[in-house]
Amino acid sequence: MKKRAVDLVVISDVHLGTYGCHSKELLNYLKSIQPKTLVLNGDIIDIWQFKKSYWPESHMKVIRQILKFVSNGVPVHYLTGNHDEMLRKFDDFHLGSFNIKNKLVLELGEERAWIFHGDVFDVTMQYSKWLAKLGAIGYDTLILLNSFVNWVLTLLKREKMSFSKKVKASFKNAVKFINSFEQTAAELAIDKGYQFVICGHIHQPEIRTITTEKGVVTYLNSGDWVENLSALEYHDGEWSIYKYDPKNFADKHLEEDLELENLASKLDVKILLDQMRFEAV
């Protein structure tokens, strides 16, 4: 299939290694684009919940596709999040066009974009990490249950539903947290003189202008690949939110790159992640 050219793509909160990850859909999306720059803005691999017993081939194929971008010379910036925080000690690691960073500033013409995951604004992460990890397990369980319910609804030709979205909508504190998160990110970006601030973490795709007494900034969030299946795209000076639609891929067969298959098959992600966890102890 013909690939779509995009100047910059930002994805976050993929959570590879969990049941809720929509790896097949993400793979379709990645294979359909030809980005000049790719930013992986945290929680790409869920090291928190990683288990040897669950690493499907579709998750490995996402890694292979990212490696393909790297092998083609596409700058790939992996920014660390809370679920892959073990990678934070590798800040400023470079290998070819691939690099690991905790935060990133990109020049977009005469404007600058400040990009980071955003968990620094989460009080639970700062003071009760065990509670955050417990919540992550509960969230993954909810997503797994939701997948089964949606499978049944599909058989009954009923509209799918999102449990987590309903839970978030029912609690005013969740809405309040999201608004506070966005406002804090915007205020800090204005203080630092950035025109764009880009986050992940809260699984809420968004593009909006935020004005304070000190100035104006465009706040953006790439969403996630658990519920929203979304990404941020920047092309020809314009930002947009990409949302995955299975209809766009229904009749398209995306072929594997055999050379890449041979290269990536030598990479044992399970051993690599286990080693990272061991070194972090």
C-alpha atoms as a PDB file:
ATOM      1  CA  MET A   1       0.000   0.000   0.000  1.00  0.00           C
ATOM      2  CA  LYS A   2       1.097   3.590  -0.588  1.00  0.00           C
ATOM      3  CA  LYS A   3       2.516   5.142   2.571  1.00  0.00           C
ATOM      4  CA  ARG A   4       1.318   8.544   3.762  1.00  0.00           C
ATOM      5  CA  ALA A   5       4.051  11.119   4.311  1.00  0.00           C
ATOM      6  CA  VAL A   6       3.981  12.868   7.718  1.00  0.00           C
ATOM      7  CA  ASP A   7       6.566  15.337   9.031  1.00  0.00           C
ATOM      8  CA  LEU A   8       6.214  14.330  12.687  1.00  0.00           C
ATOM      9  CA  VAL A   9       4.277  11.579  14.482  1.00  0.00           C
ATOM     10  CA  VAL A  10       3.844  11.362  18.258  1.00  0.00           C
ATOM     11  CA  ILE A  11       2.411   8.252  19.924  1.00  0.00           C
ATOM     12  CA  SER A  12       2.276   7.324  23.597  1.00  0.00           C
ATOM     13  CA  ASP A  13       0.771   4.877  26.076  1.00  0.00           C
ATOM     14  CA  VAL A  14       0.926   1.823  23.855  1.00  0.00           C
ATOM     15  CA  HIS A  15       1.474  -0.502  26.850  1.00  0.00           C
ATOM     16  CA  LEU A  16       3.075  -3.352  24.932  1.00  0.00           C
ATOM     17  CA  GLY A  17       3.044  -6.438  27.140  1.00  0.00           C
ATOM     18  CA  THR A  18      -0.490  -5.929  28.464  1.00  0.00           C
ATOM     19  CA  TYR A  19      -3.794  -7.424  27.368  1.00  0.00           C
ATOM     20  CA  GLY A  20      -5.300  -4.036  26.596  1.00  0.00           C
ATOM     21  CA  CYS A  21      -2.730  -3.049  23.975  1.00  0.00           C
ATOM     22  CA  HIS A  22      -4.119  -2.798  20.433  1.00  0.00           C
ATOM     23  CA  SER A  23      -0.852  -3.840  18.809  1.00  0.00           C
ATOM     24  CA  LYS A  24      -2.343  -5.062  15.521  1.00  0.00           C
ATOM     25  CA  GLU A  25      -4.089  -1.755  14.944  1.00  0.00           C
ATOM     26  CA  LEU A  26      -0.950   0.190  15.841  1.00  0.00           C
ATOM     27  CA  LEU A  27       1.084  -1.964  13.457  1.00  0.00           C
ATOM     28  CA  ASN A  28      -1.350  -1.205  10.633  1.00  0.00           C
ATOM     29  CA  TYR A  29      -1.023   2.506  11.370  1.00  0.00           C
ATOM     30  CA  LEU A  30       2.783   2.477  11.541  1.00  0.00           C
ATOM     31  CA  LYS A  31       3.000   0.572   8.269  1.00  0.00           C
ATOM     32  CA  SER A  32       0.715   3.094   6.576  1.00  0.00           C
ATOM     33  CA  ILE A  33       2.879   6.146   7.286  1.00  0.00           C
ATOM     34  CA  GLN A  34       6.275   7.461   6.263  1.00  0.00           C
ATOM     35  CA  PRO A  35       7.271   9.853   9.063  1.00  0.00           C
ATOM     36  CA  LYS A  36      10.275  12.160   8.915  1.00  0.00           C
ATOM     37  CA  THR A  37      10.469  11.979  12.724  1.00  0.00           C
ATOM     38  CA  LEU A  38       8.812   9.608  15.206  1.00  0.00           C
ATOM     39  CA  VAL A  39       8.394  10.396  18.909  1.00  0.00           C
ATOM     40  CA  LEU A  40       7.447   7.588  21.299  1.00  0.00           C
ATOM     41  CA  ASN A  41       6.225   9.605  24.268  1.00  0.00           C
ATOM     42  CA  GLY A  42       6.325   7.147  27.161  1.00  0.00           C
ATOM     43  CA  ASP A  43       4.662   3.923  28.310  1.00  0.00           C
ATOM     44  CA  ILE A  44       5.432   2.194  25.026  1.00  0.00           C
ATOM     45  CA  ILE A  45       6.568  -1.029  26.721  1.00  0.00           C
ATOM     46  CA  ASP A  46       4.759  -1.641  30.007  1.00  0.00           C
ATOM     47  CA  ILE A  47       7.695  -2.820  32.112  1.00  0.00           C
ATOM     48  CA  TRP A  48       5.556  -2.492  35.258  1.00  0.00           C
ATOM     49  CA  GLN A  49       3.241  -5.300  34.193  1.00  0.00           C
ATOM     50  CA  PHE A  50       5.545  -7.222  31.875  1.00  0.00           C
ATOM     51  CA  LYS A  51       5.312 -11.012  32.200  1.00  0.00           C
ATOM     52  CA  LYS A  52       7.216 -13.726  30.365  1.00  0.00           C
ATOM     53  CA  SER A  53       3.931 -15.532  29.782  1.00  0.00           C
ATOM     54  CA  TYR A  54       2.440 -12.692  27.730  1.00  0.00           C
ATOM     55  CA  TRP A  55       4.315 -11.222  24.791  1.00  0.00           C
ATOM     56  CA  PRO A  56       2.309 -11.957  21.619  1.00  0.00           C
ATOM     57  CA  GLU A  57       3.895 -11.930  18.179  1.00  0.00           C
ATOM     58  CA  SER A  58       1.827  -8.855  17.305  1.00  0.00           C
ATOM     59  CA  HIS A  59       3.635  -6.939  20.075  1.00  0.00           C
ATOM     60  CA  MET A  60       6.997  -8.042  18.680  1.00  0.00           C
ATOM     61  CA  LYS A  61       5.935  -6.873  15.222  1.00  0.00           C
ATOM     62  CA  VAL A  62       5.410  -3.344  16.555  1.00  0.00           C
ATOM     63  CA  ILE A  63       9.014  -3.386  17.809  1.00  0.00           C
ATOM     64  CA  ARG A  64      10.157  -4.648  14.406  1.00  0.00           C
ATOM     65  CA  GLN A  65       8.347  -1.850  12.622  1.00  0.00           C
ATOM     66  CA  ILE A  66       9.981   0.748  14.875  1.00  0.00           C
ATOM     67  CA  LEU A  67      13.348  -0.902  14.134  1.00  0.00           C
ATOM     68  CA  LYS A  68      12.556  -0.586  10.446  1.00  0.00           C
ATOM     69  CA  PHE A  69      12.148   3.178  10.832  1.00  0.00           C
ATOM     70  CA  VAL A  70      15.500   3.297  12.631  1.00  0.00           C
ATOM     71  CA  SER A  71      17.215   1.187   9.958  1.00  0.00           C
ATOM     72  CA  ASN A  72      15.861   3.590   7.318  1.00  0.00           C
ATOM     73  CA  GLY A  73      17.426   6.540   9.140  1.00  0.00           C
ATOM     74  CA  VAL A  74      14.218   8.006  10.568  1.00  0.00           C
ATOM     75  CA  PRO A  75      14.962   9.849  13.853  1.00  0.00           C
ATOM     76  CA  VAL A  76      13.122   7.902  16.569  1.00  0.00           C
ATOM     77  CA  HIS A  77      12.977   9.541  20.001  1.00  0.00           C
ATOM     78  CA  TYR A  78      11.933   7.245  22.866  1.00  0.00           C
ATOM     79  CA  LEU A  79      10.812   9.436  25.786  1.00  0.00           C
ATOM     80  CA  THR A  80      10.410   7.611  29.085  1.00  0.00           C
ATOM     81  CA  GLY A  81       7.127   7.375  30.996  1.00  0.00           C
ATOM     82  CA  ASN A  82       6.144   5.941  34.361  1.00  0.00           C
ATOM     83  CA  HIS A  83       5.469   2.405  33.106  1.00  0.00           C
ATOM     84  CA  ASP A  84       8.895   2.299  31.420  1.00  0.00           C
ATOM     85  CA  GLU A  85      10.688   4.439  34.003  1.00  0.00           C
ATOM     86  CA  MET A  86      13.481   1.858  34.268  1.00  0.00           C
ATOM     87  CA  LEU A  87      14.776   3.328  31.012  1.00  0.00           C
ATOM     88  CA  ARG A  88      15.282   6.754  32.602  1.00  0.00           C
ATOM     89  CA  LYS A  89      18.814   5.904  33.648  1.00  0.00           C
ATOM     90  CA  PHE A  90      19.626   5.564  29.918  1.00  0.00           C
ATOM     91  CA  ASP A  91      18.815   9.251  29.281  1.00  0.00           C
ATOM     92  CA  ASP A  92      20.748  10.558  26.230  1.00  0.00           C
ATOM     93  CA  PHE A  93      21.500   7.042  24.946  1.00  0.00           C
ATOM     94  CA  HIS A  94      22.022   7.085  21.157  1.00  0.00           C
ATOM     95  CA  LEU A  95      22.266   4.287  18.631  1.00  0.00           C
ATOM     96  CA  GLY A  96      22.117   5.410  15.013  1.00  0.00           C
ATOM     97  CA  SER A  97      18.931   7.438  14.582  1.00  0.00           C
ATOM     98  CA  PHE A  98      17.430   6.016  17.791  1.00  0.00           C
ATOM     99  CA  ASN A  99      17.761   7.794  21.128  1.00  0.00           C
ATOM    100  CA  ILE A 100      16.299   7.583  24.626  1.00  0.00           C
ATOM    101  CA  LYS A 101      15.475  10.791  26.482  1.00  0.00           C
ATOM    102  CA  ASN A 102      13.336  11.868  29.414  1.00  0.00           C
ATOM    103  CA  LYS A 103      12.128  15.016  27.631  1.00  0.00           C
ATOM    104  CA  LEU A 104      12.628  16.607  24.251  1.00  0.00           C
ATOM    105  CA  VAL A 105      12.482  20.006  22.566  1.00  0.00           C
ATOM    106  CA  LEU A 106      11.884  20.044  18.801  1.00  0.00           C
ATOM    107  CA  GLU A 107      12.246  23.022  16.476  1.00  0.00           C
ATOM    108  CA  LEU A 108       9.208  23.317  14.209  1.00  0.00           C
ATOM    109  CA  GLY A 109      10.084  26.167  11.906  1.00  0.00           C
ATOM    110  CA  GLU A 110      10.333  29.248  14.110  1.00  0.00           C
ATOM    111  CA  GLU A 111       8.360  27.577  16.915  1.00  0.00           C
ATOM    112  CA  ARG A 112       9.412  25.082  19.571  1.00  0.00           C
ATOM    113  CA  ALA A 113       7.605  22.026  20.936  1.00  0.00           C
ATOM    114  CA  TRP A 114       8.308  20.785  24.468  1.00  0.00           C
ATOM    115  CA  ILE A 115       7.568  17.053  24.675  1.00  0.00           C
ATOM    116  CA  PHE A 116       7.482  14.826  27.761  1.00  0.00           C
ATOM    117  CA  HIS A 117       5.255  12.037  29.113  1.00  0.00           C
ATOM    118  CA  GLY A 118       3.597  14.011  31.912  1.00  0.00           C
ATOM    119  CA  ASP A 119       3.647  11.624  34.877  1.00  0.00           C
ATOM    120  CA  VAL A 120       5.623  14.285  36.764  1.00  0.00           C
ATOM    121  CA  PHE A 121       2.263  16.042  37.331  1.00  0.00           C
ATOM    122  CA  ASP A 122       0.689  12.922  38.858  1.00  0.00           C
ATOM    123  CA  VAL A 123       0.733  13.217  42.669  1.00  0.00           C
ATOM    124  CA  THR A 124       0.071   9.485  43.022  1.00  0.00           C
ATOM    125  CA  MET A 125       3.213   8.754  41.027  1.00  0.00           C
ATOM    126  CA  GLN A 126       5.272  11.061  43.186  1.00  0.00           C
ATOM    127  CA  TYR A 127       4.130   9.938  46.642  1.00  0.00           C
ATOM    128  CA  SER A 128       2.256   6.617  46.352  1.00  0.00           C
ATOM    129  CA  LYS A 129       3.847   4.664  43.515  1.00  0.00           C
ATOM    130  CA  TRP A 130       2.539   1.367  44.930  1.00  0.00           C
ATOM    131  CA  LEU A 131      -1.002   2.750  44.619  1.00  0.00           C
ATOM    132  CA  ALA A 132      -0.344   3.793  41.037  1.00  0.00           C
ATOM    133  CA  LYS A 133       0.933   0.308  40.197  1.00  0.00           C
ATOM    134  CA  LEU A 134      -2.112  -1.267  41.843  1.00  0.00           C
ATOM    135  CA  GLY A 135      -4.327   1.040  39.795  1.00  0.00           C
ATOM    136  CA  ALA A 136      -2.493   0.003  36.614  1.00  0.00           C
ATOM    137  CA  ILE A 137      -3.257  -3.657  37.315  1.00  0.00           C
ATOM    138  CA  GLY A 138      -6.898  -2.819  37.958  1.00  0.00           C
ATOM    139  CA  TYR A 139      -7.043  -0.767  34.768  1.00  0.00           C
ATOM    140  CA  ASP A 140      -5.582  -3.611  32.698  1.00  0.00           C
ATOM    141  CA  THR A 141      -8.119  -6.027  34.224  1.00  0.00           C
ATOM    142  CA  LEU A 142     -10.940  -3.612  33.389  1.00  0.00           C
ATOM    143  CA  ILE A 143      -9.722  -3.349  29.789  1.00  0.00           C
ATOM    144  CA  LEU A 144      -9.538  -7.144  29.509  1.00  0.00           C
ATOM    145  CA  LEU A 145     -13.098  -7.494  30.804  1.00  0.00           C
ATOM    146  CA  ASN A 146     -14.183  -4.704  28.466  1.00  0.00           C
ATOM    147  CA  SER A 147     -12.660  -6.568  25.493  1.00  0.00           C
ATOM    148  CA  PHE A 148     -14.740  -9.656  26.291  1.00  0.00           C
ATOM    149  CA  VAL A 149     -17.927  -7.594  26.656  1.00  0.00           C
ATOM    150  CA  ASN A 150     -17.264  -5.833  23.339  1.00  0.00           C
ATOM    151  CA  TRP A 151     -16.678  -9.206  21.678  1.00  0.00           C
ATOM    152  CA  VAL A 152     -20.135 -10.288  22.850  1.00  0.00           C
ATOM    153  CA  LEU A 153     -21.655  -6.957  21.739  1.00  0.00           C
ATOM    154  CA  THR A 154     -20.105  -7.402  18.290  1.00  0.00           C
ATOM    155  CA  LEU A 155     -21.689 -10.855  17.982  1.00  0.00           C
ATOM    156  CA  LEU A 156     -25.021  -9.291  18.916  1.00  0.00           C
ATOM    157  CA  LYS A 157     -24.409  -6.476  16.396  1.00  0.00           C
ATOM    158  CA  ARG A 158     -24.540  -3.913  19.178  1.00  0.00           C
ATOM    159  CA  GLU A 159     -22.413  -0.813  19.589  1.00  0.00           C
ATOM    160  CA  LYS A 160     -19.172  -1.258  21.545  1.00  0.00           C
ATOM    161  CA  MET A 161     -18.666   0.518  24.863  1.00  0.00           C
ATOM    162  CA  SER A 162     -15.731   1.705  26.967  1.00  0.00           C
ATOM    163  CA  PHE A 163     -15.848   0.878  30.674  1.00  0.00           C
ATOM    164  CA  SER A 164     -12.926   3.127  31.582  1.00  0.00           C
ATOM    165  CA  LYS A 165     -14.404   6.136  29.778  1.00  0.00           C
ATOM    166  CA  LYS A 166     -17.655   5.641  31.649  1.00  0.00           C
ATOM    167  CA  VAL A 167     -15.774   5.376  34.950  1.00  0.00           C
ATOM    168  CA  LYS A 168     -13.810   8.557  34.211  1.00  0.00           C
ATOM    169  CA  ALA A 169     -16.971  10.407  33.210  1.00  0.00           C
ATOM    170  CA  SER A 170     -18.728   9.371  36.430  1.00  0.00           C
ATOM    171  CA  PHE A 171     -16.097  10.858  38.717  1.00  0.00           C
ATOM    172  CA  LYS A 172     -15.767  14.617  38.892  1.00  0.00           C
ATOM    173  CA  ASN A 173     -12.295  14.198  40.378  1.00  0.00           C
ATOM    174  CA  ALA A 174     -11.102  12.451  37.198  1.00  0.00           C
ATOM    175  CA  VAL A 175     -12.310  15.363  35.039  1.00  0.00           C
ATOM    176  CA  LYS A 176     -10.804  17.819  37.513  1.00  0.00           C
ATOM    177  CA  PHE A 177      -7.449  16.001  37.379  1.00  0.00           C
ATOM    178  CA  ILE A 178      -7.365  16.099  33.574  1.00  0.00           C
ATOM    179  CA  ASN A 179      -8.135  19.830  33.494  1.00  0.00           C
ATOM    180  CA  SER A 180      -5.504  20.509  36.155  1.00  0.00           C
ATOM    181  CA  PHE A 181      -2.958  18.386  34.256  1.00  0.00           C
ATOM    182  CA  GLU A 182      -3.481  20.329  31.043  1.00  0.00           C
ATOM    183  CA  GLN A 183      -3.429  23.714  32.757  1.00  0.00           C
ATOM    184  CA  THR A 184      -0.203  22.937  34.657  1.00  0.00           C
ATOM    185  CA  ALA A 185       1.557  21.729  31.500  1.00  0.00           C
ATOM    186  CA  ALA A 186       0.454  24.873  29.642  1.00  0.00           C
ATOM    187  CA  GLU A 187       1.585  27.256  32.369  1.00  0.00           C
ATOM    188  CA  LEU A 188       5.036  25.674  32.562  1.00  0.00           C
ATOM    189  CA  ALA A 189       5.424  25.756  28.769  1.00  0.00           C
ATOM    190  CA  ILE A 190       4.495  29.460  28.653  1.00  0.00           C
ATOM    191  CA  ASP A 191       7.017  30.217  31.408  1.00  0.00           C
ATOM    192  CA  LYS A 192       9.726  28.452  29.384  1.00  0.00           C
ATOM    193  CA  GLY A 193       8.791  30.234  26.157  1.00  0.00           C
ATOM    194  CA  TYR A 194       7.528  27.226  24.181  1.00  0.00           C
ATOM    195  CA  GLN A 195       4.718  27.474  21.636  1.00  0.00           C
ATOM    196  CA  PHE A 196       3.620  23.818  21.972  1.00  0.00           C
ATOM    197  CA  VAL A 197       3.560  21.427  24.916  1.00  0.00           C
ATOM    198  CA  ILE A 198       2.972  17.745  24.130  1.00  0.00           C
ATOM    199  CA  CYS A 199       2.142  15.074  26.728  1.00  0.00           C
ATOM    200  CA  GLY A 200       0.733  11.579  27.093  1.00  0.00           C
ATOM    201  CA  HIS A 201      -0.025   9.752  30.359  1.00  0.00           C
ATOM    202  CA  ILE A 202      -3.720  10.601  30.802  1.00  0.00           C
ATOM    203  CA  HIS A 203      -4.923   8.706  27.684  1.00  0.00           C
ATOM    204  CA  GLN A 204      -6.909  11.732  26.551  1.00  0.00           C
ATOM    205  CA  PRO A 205      -6.226  12.897  22.950  1.00  0.00           C
ATOM    206  CA  GLU A 206      -6.468  16.666  22.773  1.00  0.00           C
ATOM    207  CA  ILE A 207      -5.406  19.768  20.876  1.00  0.00           C
ATOM    208  CA  ARG A 208      -6.422  23.085  22.363  1.00  0.00           C
ATOM    209  CA  THR A 209      -5.147  26.599  22.892  1.00  0.00           C
ATOM    210  CA  ILE A 210      -4.651  27.603  26.518  1.00  0.00           C
ATOM    211  CA  THR A 211      -4.339  31.261  27.490  1.00  0.00           C
ATOM    212  CA  THR A 212      -2.996  32.533  30.806  1.00  0.00           C
ATOM    213  CA  GLU A 213      -2.006  35.957  32.077  1.00  0.00           C
ATOM    214  CA  LYS A 214       1.534  35.291  30.864  1.00  0.00           C
ATOM    215  CA  GLY A 215       0.782  34.139  27.341  1.00  0.00           C
ATOM    216  CA  VAL A 216      -0.643  31.538  24.978  1.00  0.00           C
ATOM    217  CA  VAL A 217       0.376  27.956  24.216  1.00  0.00           C
ATOM    218  CA  THR A 218      -1.046  25.035  22.258  1.00  0.00           C
ATOM    219  CA  TYR A 219      -1.507  21.988  24.489  1.00  0.00           C
ATOM    220  CA  LEU A 220      -1.498  18.586  22.752  1.00  0.00           C
ATOM    221  CA  ASN A 221      -1.955  15.032  23.993  1.00  0.00           C
ATOM    222  CA  SER A 222      -1.403  11.958  21.818  1.00  0.00           C
ATOM    223  CA  GLY A 223      -3.936   9.787  23.648  1.00  0.00           C
ATOM    224  CA  ASP A 224      -3.196   6.044  23.734  1.00  0.00           C
ATOM    225  CA  TRP A 225      -3.380   2.665  21.968  1.00  0.00           C
ATOM    226  CA  VAL A 226      -5.509   0.972  24.611  1.00  0.00           C
ATOM    227  CA  GLU A 227      -8.803   2.831  24.295  1.00  0.00           C
ATOM    228  CA  ASN A 228      -8.613   5.749  21.871  1.00  0.00           C
ATOM    229  CA  LEU A 229      -6.127   4.323  19.327  1.00  0.00           C
ATOM    230  CA  SER A 230      -4.852   7.791  18.550  1.00  0.00           C
ATOM    231  CA  ALA A 231      -1.710   9.694  17.578  1.00  0.00           C
ATOM    232  CA  LEU A 232      -0.610  13.249  16.957  1.00  0.00           C
ATOM    233  CA  GLU A 233       0.513  14.207  13.466  1.00  0.00           C
ATOM    234  CA  TYR A 234       2.296  17.382  12.368  1.00  0.00           C
ATOM    235  CA  HIS A 235       2.493  18.035   8.634  1.00  0.00           C
ATOM    236  CA  ASP A 236       2.901  21.178   6.531  1.00  0.00           C
ATOM    237  CA  GLY A 237       2.790  23.328   9.669  1.00  0.00           C
ATOM    238  CA  GLU A 238      -0.502  21.903  10.971  1.00  0.00           C
ATOM    239  CA  TRP A 239      -1.303  19.618  13.923  1.00  0.00           C
ATOM    240  CA  SER A 240      -4.040  16.982  13.836  1.00  0.00           C
ATOM    241  CA  ILE A 241      -5.231  14.031  15.908  1.00  0.00           C
ATOM    242  CA  TYR A 242      -5.202  10.718  14.076  1.00  0.00           C
ATOM    243  CA  LYS A 243      -7.829   8.210  15.204  1.00  0.00           C
ATOM    244  CA  TYR A 244      -7.648   4.654  13.971  1.00  0.00           C
ATOM    245  CA  ASP A 245     -10.551   3.480  11.836  1.00  0.00           C
ATOM    246  CA  PRO A 246     -10.561  -0.256  10.964  1.00  0.00           C
ATOM    247  CA  LYS A 247     -12.520   0.501   7.791  1.00  0.00           C
ATOM    248  CA  ASN A 248      -9.432   2.136   6.317  1.00  0.00           C
ATOM    249  CA  PHE A 249      -7.502  -1.137   6.611  1.00  0.00           C
ATOM    250  CA  ALA A 250     -10.212  -3.706   5.913  1.00  0.00           C
ATOM    251  CA  ASP A 251      -9.106  -4.538   2.350  1.00  0.00           C
ATOM    252  CA  LYS A 252      -5.401  -3.785   2.612  1.00  0.00           C
ATOM    253  CA  HIS A 253      -2.765  -6.440   3.140  1.00  0.00           C
ATOM    254  CA  LEU A 254       0.435  -5.167   4.706  1.00  0.00           C
ATOM    255  CA  GLU A 255       3.429  -7.369   3.860  1.00  0.00           C
ATOM    256  CA  GLU A 256       6.254  -8.136   6.265  1.00  0.00           C
ATOM    257  CA  ASP A 257       9.779  -7.001   5.463  1.00  0.00           C
ATOM    258  CA  LEU A 258      11.692 -10.321   5.403  1.00  0.00           C
ATOM    259  CA  GLU A 259      15.087  -8.715   5.987  1.00  0.00           C
ATOM    260  CA  LEU A 260      13.682  -6.911   9.029  1.00  0.00           C
ATOM    261  CA  GLU A 261      12.129 -10.166  10.261  1.00  0.00           C
ATOM    262  CA  ASN A 262      15.553 -11.813  10.287  1.00  0.00           C
ATOM    263  CA  LEU A 263      17.106  -8.857  12.121  1.00  0.00           C
ATOM    264  CA  ALA A 264      14.400  -8.522  14.765  1.00  0.00           C
ATOM    265  CA  SER A 265      14.132 -12.259  15.380  1.00  0.00           C
ATOM    266  CA  LYS A 266      17.573 -12.044  17.002  1.00  0.00           C
ATOM    267  CA  LEU A 267      16.248  -9.569  19.562  1.00  0.00           C
ATOM    268  CA  ASP A 268      14.760 -11.320  22.593  1.00  0.00           C
ATOM    269  CA  VAL A 269      12.675  -8.598  24.209  1.00  0.00           C
ATOM    270  CA  LYS A 270      11.828 -10.797  27.190  1.00  0.00           C
ATOM    271  CA  ILE A 271      15.487 -11.271  28.105  1.00  0.00           C
ATOM    272  CA  LEU A 272      16.184  -7.560  27.569  1.00  0.00           C
ATOM    273  CA  LEU A 273      13.367  -6.434  29.849  1.00  0.00           C
ATOM    274  CA  ASP A 274      14.253  -8.969  32.521  1.00  0.00           C
ATOM    275  CA  GLN A 275      17.810  -7.641  32.481  1.00  0.00           C
ATOM    276  CA  MET A 276      16.587  -4.062  32.878  1.00  0.00           C
ATOM    277  CA  ARG A 277      14.452  -5.041  35.853  1.00  0.00           C
ATOM    278  CA  PHE A 278      17.381  -6.869  37.439  1.00  0.00           C
ATOM    279  CA  GLU A 279      19.706  -3.875  37.022  1.00  0.00           C
ATOM    280  CA  ALA A 280      17.091  -1.515  38.473  1.00  0.00           C
ATOM    281  CA  VAL A 281      16.857  -3.455  41.760  1.00  0.00           C
END
